[in-house]
Amino acid sequence: MTAVPFALVPASYVYLLREGGSGTEVLLQQRGPVPYMPGHWAAAAAGHVEPGETAYDAAHREALEELAITDIELDFAFTMQRSQFGPPVEERVDFFFTARSWSGEPRIVETTKATALGWFPLSALPEPTVPHEAHALGQLFSGAGYLTFGWPPERG
């Protein structure tokens, strides 16, 4: 069997959390007219890890660039390995962080990429939510250090 070269694309996700009337709430953004999952709800701050940057650095940068918040106290939640098993061959490794403390009021900075921000109970996510993020949010307090998404059940 010949190995097929593939690209590994790392990304960092930041879930801001707070306690609300229905338990723990998460801040999500509604994606604007972007190529990937327009109109879906997703992490309020997320993006690719840039060359020479750690996943933690990327999470801090994305929180500033997308929400205008600083002094964010990140807690590592887990890593997720994702695949779509189809051309182009590409695999993703996502680093998920949570935060309950930061400076500033989160707001949409990249108005061409996001159309709304909202706090939602983890038990009642909005529809539609990006599928791999819905899976991640469902496992947020599971204690799992590693998750997979996109493999058949017998492989993942």
C-alpha atoms as a PDB file:
ATOM      1  CA  MET A   1       0.000   0.000   0.000  1.00  0.00           C
ATOM      2  CA  THR A   2       1.415   3.361  -1.019  1.00  0.00           C
ATOM      3  CA  ALA A   3       1.172   6.093   1.571  1.00  0.00           C
ATOM      4  CA  VAL A   4      -0.773   9.111   0.367  1.00  0.00           C
ATOM      5  CA  PRO A   5       0.739  12.405   1.475  1.00  0.00           C
ATOM      6  CA  PHE A   6      -1.578  14.579   3.456  1.00  0.00           C
ATOM      7  CA  ALA A   7      -1.599  17.942   5.126  1.00  0.00           C
ATOM      8  CA  LEU A   8      -1.979  18.264   8.882  1.00  0.00           C
ATOM      9  CA  VAL A   9      -3.794  21.475   9.762  1.00  0.00           C
ATOM     10  CA  PRO A  10      -3.697  22.602  13.431  1.00  0.00           C
ATOM     11  CA  ALA A  11      -6.267  24.989  14.930  1.00  0.00           C
ATOM     12  CA  SER A  12      -7.094  26.420  18.350  1.00  0.00           C
ATOM     13  CA  TYR A  13     -10.613  26.933  19.735  1.00  0.00           C
ATOM     14  CA  VAL A  14     -11.570  29.089  22.715  1.00  0.00           C
ATOM     15  CA  TYR A  15     -14.845  28.525  24.542  1.00  0.00           C
ATOM     16  CA  LEU A  16     -15.669  31.352  26.949  1.00  0.00           C
ATOM     17  CA  LEU A  17     -17.785  29.980  29.789  1.00  0.00           C
ATOM     18  CA  ARG A  18     -19.986  31.495  32.486  1.00  0.00           C
ATOM     19  CA  GLU A  19     -22.636  30.309  34.902  1.00  0.00           C
ATOM     20  CA  GLY A  20     -26.179  31.223  33.924  1.00  0.00           C
ATOM     21  CA  GLY A  21     -29.712  30.409  34.964  1.00  0.00           C
ATOM     22  CA  SER A  22     -29.608  27.114  33.038  1.00  0.00           C
ATOM     23  CA  GLY A  23     -26.151  26.040  34.194  1.00  0.00           C
ATOM     24  CA  THR A  24     -22.925  26.543  32.304  1.00  0.00           C
ATOM     25  CA  GLU A  25     -23.223  28.765  29.236  1.00  0.00           C
ATOM     26  CA  VAL A  26     -20.818  29.108  26.305  1.00  0.00           C
ATOM     27  CA  LEU A  27     -20.281  32.134  24.066  1.00  0.00           C
ATOM     28  CA  LEU A  28     -20.705  31.214  20.403  1.00  0.00           C
ATOM     29  CA  GLN A  29     -20.517  33.202  17.176  1.00  0.00           C
ATOM     30  CA  GLN A  30     -22.725  32.746  14.157  1.00  0.00           C
ATOM     31  CA  ARG A  31     -20.520  32.379  11.103  1.00  0.00           C
ATOM     32  CA  GLY A  32     -21.104  34.931   8.362  1.00  0.00           C
ATOM     33  CA  PRO A  33     -20.792  34.498   4.588  1.00  0.00           C
ATOM     34  CA  VAL A  34     -17.583  32.437   4.811  1.00  0.00           C
ATOM     35  CA  PRO A  35     -16.665  29.335   2.762  1.00  0.00           C
ATOM     36  CA  TYR A  36     -16.839  26.841   5.668  1.00  0.00           C
ATOM     37  CA  MET A  37     -20.245  26.313   7.315  1.00  0.00           C
ATOM     38  CA  PRO A  38     -21.795  29.769   6.792  1.00  0.00           C
ATOM     39  CA  GLY A  39     -24.649  30.485   9.185  1.00  0.00           C
ATOM     40  CA  HIS A  40     -23.551  27.816  11.659  1.00  0.00           C
ATOM     41  CA  TRP A  41     -22.795  28.542  15.309  1.00  0.00           C
ATOM     42  CA  ALA A  42     -19.194  27.973  16.394  1.00  0.00           C
ATOM     43  CA  ALA A  43     -16.575  28.920  18.976  1.00  0.00           C
ATOM     44  CA  ALA A  44     -16.538  32.671  19.500  1.00  0.00           C
ATOM     45  CA  ALA A  45     -12.771  32.611  18.903  1.00  0.00           C
ATOM     46  CA  ALA A  46     -10.954  30.021  16.805  1.00  0.00           C
ATOM     47  CA  GLY A  47      -8.419  29.784  14.019  1.00  0.00           C
ATOM     48  CA  HIS A  48      -5.408  28.093  12.517  1.00  0.00           C
ATOM     49  CA  VAL A  49      -2.154  27.867  14.407  1.00  0.00           C
ATOM     50  CA  GLU A  50       0.382  29.897  12.442  1.00  0.00           C
ATOM     51  CA  PRO A  51       3.956  28.742  11.709  1.00  0.00           C
ATOM     52  CA  GLY A  52       6.178  29.207  14.764  1.00  0.00           C
ATOM     53  CA  GLU A  53       3.167  29.624  17.069  1.00  0.00           C
ATOM     54  CA  THR A  54       2.009  27.302  19.839  1.00  0.00           C
ATOM     55  CA  ALA A  55      -1.633  26.299  20.190  1.00  0.00           C
ATOM     56  CA  TYR A  56      -1.804  28.427  23.382  1.00  0.00           C
ATOM     57  CA  ASP A  57      -0.367  31.431  21.534  1.00  0.00           C
ATOM     58  CA  ALA A  58      -2.903  30.958  18.741  1.00  0.00           C
ATOM     59  CA  ALA A  59      -5.774  30.817  21.251  1.00  0.00           C
ATOM     60  CA  HIS A  60      -4.643  34.079  22.866  1.00  0.00           C
ATOM     61  CA  ARG A  61      -4.208  35.736  19.453  1.00  0.00           C
ATOM     62  CA  GLU A  62      -7.608  34.596  18.192  1.00  0.00           C
ATOM     63  CA  ALA A  63      -9.342  35.838  21.373  1.00  0.00           C
ATOM     64  CA  LEU A  64      -7.833  39.276  20.786  1.00  0.00           C
ATOM     65  CA  GLU A  65      -8.405  39.337  16.999  1.00  0.00           C
ATOM     66  CA  GLU A  66     -11.965  38.012  17.039  1.00  0.00           C
ATOM     67  CA  LEU A  67     -13.356  39.212  20.383  1.00  0.00           C
ATOM     68  CA  ALA A  68     -11.081  42.107  21.481  1.00  0.00           C
ATOM     69  CA  ILE A  69     -10.418  40.467  24.857  1.00  0.00           C
ATOM     70  CA  THR A  70      -7.087  40.210  26.664  1.00  0.00           C
ATOM     71  CA  ASP A  71      -5.657  38.644  29.827  1.00  0.00           C
ATOM     72  CA  ILE A  72      -7.561  35.473  29.047  1.00  0.00           C
ATOM     73  CA  GLU A  73      -6.893  32.617  31.480  1.00  0.00           C
ATOM     74  CA  LEU A  74      -6.958  29.495  29.319  1.00  0.00           C
ATOM     75  CA  ASP A  75      -7.567  25.963  30.548  1.00  0.00           C
ATOM     76  CA  PHE A  76      -6.689  23.164  28.139  1.00  0.00           C
ATOM     77  CA  ALA A  77      -9.704  20.888  27.566  1.00  0.00           C
ATOM     78  CA  PHE A  78      -8.622  18.290  24.961  1.00  0.00           C
ATOM     79  CA  THR A  79      -7.292  17.623  21.478  1.00  0.00           C
ATOM     80  CA  MET A  80      -9.451  16.373  18.619  1.00  0.00           C
ATOM     81  CA  GLN A  81      -8.182  14.604  15.520  1.00  0.00           C
ATOM     82  CA  ARG A  82     -10.481  15.040  12.518  1.00  0.00           C
ATOM     83  CA  SER A  83     -10.561  13.580   9.025  1.00  0.00           C
ATOM     84  CA  GLN A  84     -12.890  13.630   6.045  1.00  0.00           C
ATOM     85  CA  PHE A  85     -11.292  10.715   4.140  1.00  0.00           C
ATOM     86  CA  GLY A  86     -11.608  12.177   0.688  1.00  0.00           C
ATOM     87  CA  PRO A  87      -9.619  14.285  -1.712  1.00  0.00           C
ATOM     88  CA  PRO A  88      -7.910  16.487  -0.898  1.00  0.00           C
ATOM     89  CA  VAL A  89      -6.407  14.302   1.796  1.00  0.00           C
ATOM     90  CA  GLU A  90      -6.293  16.498   4.827  1.00  0.00           C
ATOM     91  CA  GLU A  91      -6.340  15.814   8.523  1.00  0.00           C
ATOM     92  CA  ARG A  92      -6.920  18.298  11.292  1.00  0.00           C
ATOM     93  CA  VAL A  93      -5.754  18.478  14.863  1.00  0.00           C
ATOM     94  CA  ASP A  94      -7.780  20.854  16.993  1.00  0.00           C
ATOM     95  CA  PHE A  95      -6.786  22.156  20.418  1.00  0.00           C
ATOM     96  CA  PHE A  96      -9.736  23.134  22.615  1.00  0.00           C
ATOM     97  CA  PHE A  97      -9.453  25.595  25.490  1.00  0.00           C
ATOM     98  CA  THR A  98     -11.951  27.045  27.938  1.00  0.00           C
ATOM     99  CA  ALA A  99     -11.787  30.325  29.830  1.00  0.00           C
ATOM    100  CA  ARG A 100     -13.831  31.828  32.640  1.00  0.00           C
ATOM    101  CA  SER A 101     -11.699  34.925  33.160  1.00  0.00           C
ATOM    102  CA  TRP A 102     -10.603  37.647  30.728  1.00  0.00           C
ATOM    103  CA  SER A 103     -10.424  41.422  30.382  1.00  0.00           C
ATOM    104  CA  GLY A 104     -12.810  43.352  28.156  1.00  0.00           C
ATOM    105  CA  GLU A 105     -16.310  42.778  26.864  1.00  0.00           C
ATOM    106  CA  PRO A 106     -16.380  40.195  24.038  1.00  0.00           C
ATOM    107  CA  ARG A 107     -17.596  41.717  20.784  1.00  0.00           C
ATOM    108  CA  ILE A 108     -17.470  40.854  17.088  1.00  0.00           C
ATOM    109  CA  VAL A 109     -14.325  42.372  15.614  1.00  0.00           C
ATOM    110  CA  GLU A 110     -14.268  40.584  12.235  1.00  0.00           C
ATOM    111  CA  THR A 111     -17.675  41.703  11.008  1.00  0.00           C
ATOM    112  CA  THR A 112     -17.224  40.072   7.590  1.00  0.00           C
ATOM    113  CA  LYS A 113     -16.745  36.648   9.226  1.00  0.00           C
ATOM    114  CA  ALA A 114     -19.314  36.623  12.039  1.00  0.00           C
ATOM    115  CA  THR A 115     -22.868  37.969  12.195  1.00  0.00           C
ATOM    116  CA  ALA A 116     -23.861  37.393  15.839  1.00  0.00           C
ATOM    117  CA  LEU A 117     -22.585  36.472  19.304  1.00  0.00           C
ATOM    118  CA  GLY A 118     -24.674  34.751  21.926  1.00  0.00           C
ATOM    119  CA  TRP A 119     -24.492  32.923  25.253  1.00  0.00           C
ATOM    120  CA  PHE A 120     -26.084  29.466  25.162  1.00  0.00           C
ATOM    121  CA  PRO A 121     -26.532  26.731  27.768  1.00  0.00           C
ATOM    122  CA  LEU A 122     -24.283  23.757  27.006  1.00  0.00           C
ATOM    123  CA  SER A 123     -27.432  21.655  27.305  1.00  0.00           C
ATOM    124  CA  ALA A 124     -29.250  23.648  24.581  1.00  0.00           C
ATOM    125  CA  LEU A 125     -26.884  24.559  21.739  1.00  0.00           C
ATOM    126  CA  PRO A 126     -28.309  26.623  18.868  1.00  0.00           C
ATOM    127  CA  GLU A 127     -29.037  25.105  15.471  1.00  0.00           C
ATOM    128  CA  PRO A 128     -27.183  24.675  13.323  1.00  0.00           C
ATOM    129  CA  THR A 129     -23.912  24.209  15.234  1.00  0.00           C
ATOM    130  CA  VAL A 130     -20.748  23.157  13.391  1.00  0.00           C
ATOM    131  CA  PRO A 131     -20.888  19.326  13.803  1.00  0.00           C
ATOM    132  CA  HIS A 132     -17.402  18.684  15.182  1.00  0.00           C
ATOM    133  CA  GLU A 133     -17.851  21.562  17.625  1.00  0.00           C
ATOM    134  CA  ALA A 134     -21.199  20.197  18.827  1.00  0.00           C
ATOM    135  CA  HIS A 135     -19.348  16.938  19.488  1.00  0.00           C
ATOM    136  CA  ALA A 136     -16.567  18.816  21.315  1.00  0.00           C
ATOM    137  CA  LEU A 137     -19.014  20.816  23.439  1.00  0.00           C
ATOM    138  CA  GLY A 138     -20.808  17.600  24.372  1.00  0.00           C
ATOM    139  CA  GLN A 139     -17.520  16.223  25.702  1.00  0.00           C
ATOM    140  CA  LEU A 140     -16.283  19.435  27.332  1.00  0.00           C
ATOM    141  CA  PHE A 141     -16.332  18.128  30.904  1.00  0.00           C
ATOM    142  CA  SER A 142     -15.799  14.446  30.125  1.00  0.00           C
ATOM    143  CA  GLY A 143     -12.153  14.406  31.176  1.00  0.00           C
ATOM    144  CA  ALA A 144     -11.179  12.979  27.779  1.00  0.00           C
ATOM    145  CA  GLY A 145      -7.799  14.249  26.670  1.00  0.00           C
ATOM    146  CA  TYR A 146      -8.241  13.035  23.095  1.00  0.00           C
ATOM    147  CA  LEU A 147     -11.270  12.899  20.801  1.00  0.00           C
ATOM    148  CA  THR A 148     -11.775  11.901  17.185  1.00  0.00           C
ATOM    149  CA  PHE A 149     -14.324  13.059  14.637  1.00  0.00           C
ATOM    150  CA  GLY A 150     -14.970  11.906  11.084  1.00  0.00           C
ATOM    151  CA  TRP A 151     -13.976   8.249  11.392  1.00  0.00           C
ATOM    152  CA  PRO A 152     -16.447   5.403  11.197  1.00  0.00           C
ATOM    153  CA  PRO A 153     -17.453   4.340  14.743  1.00  0.00           C
ATOM    154  CA  GLU A 154     -15.336   1.181  14.597  1.00  0.00           C
ATOM    155  CA  ARG A 155     -12.197   3.213  13.792  1.00  0.00           C
ATOM    156  CA  GLY A 156     -12.626   6.284  16.031  1.00  0.00           C
END
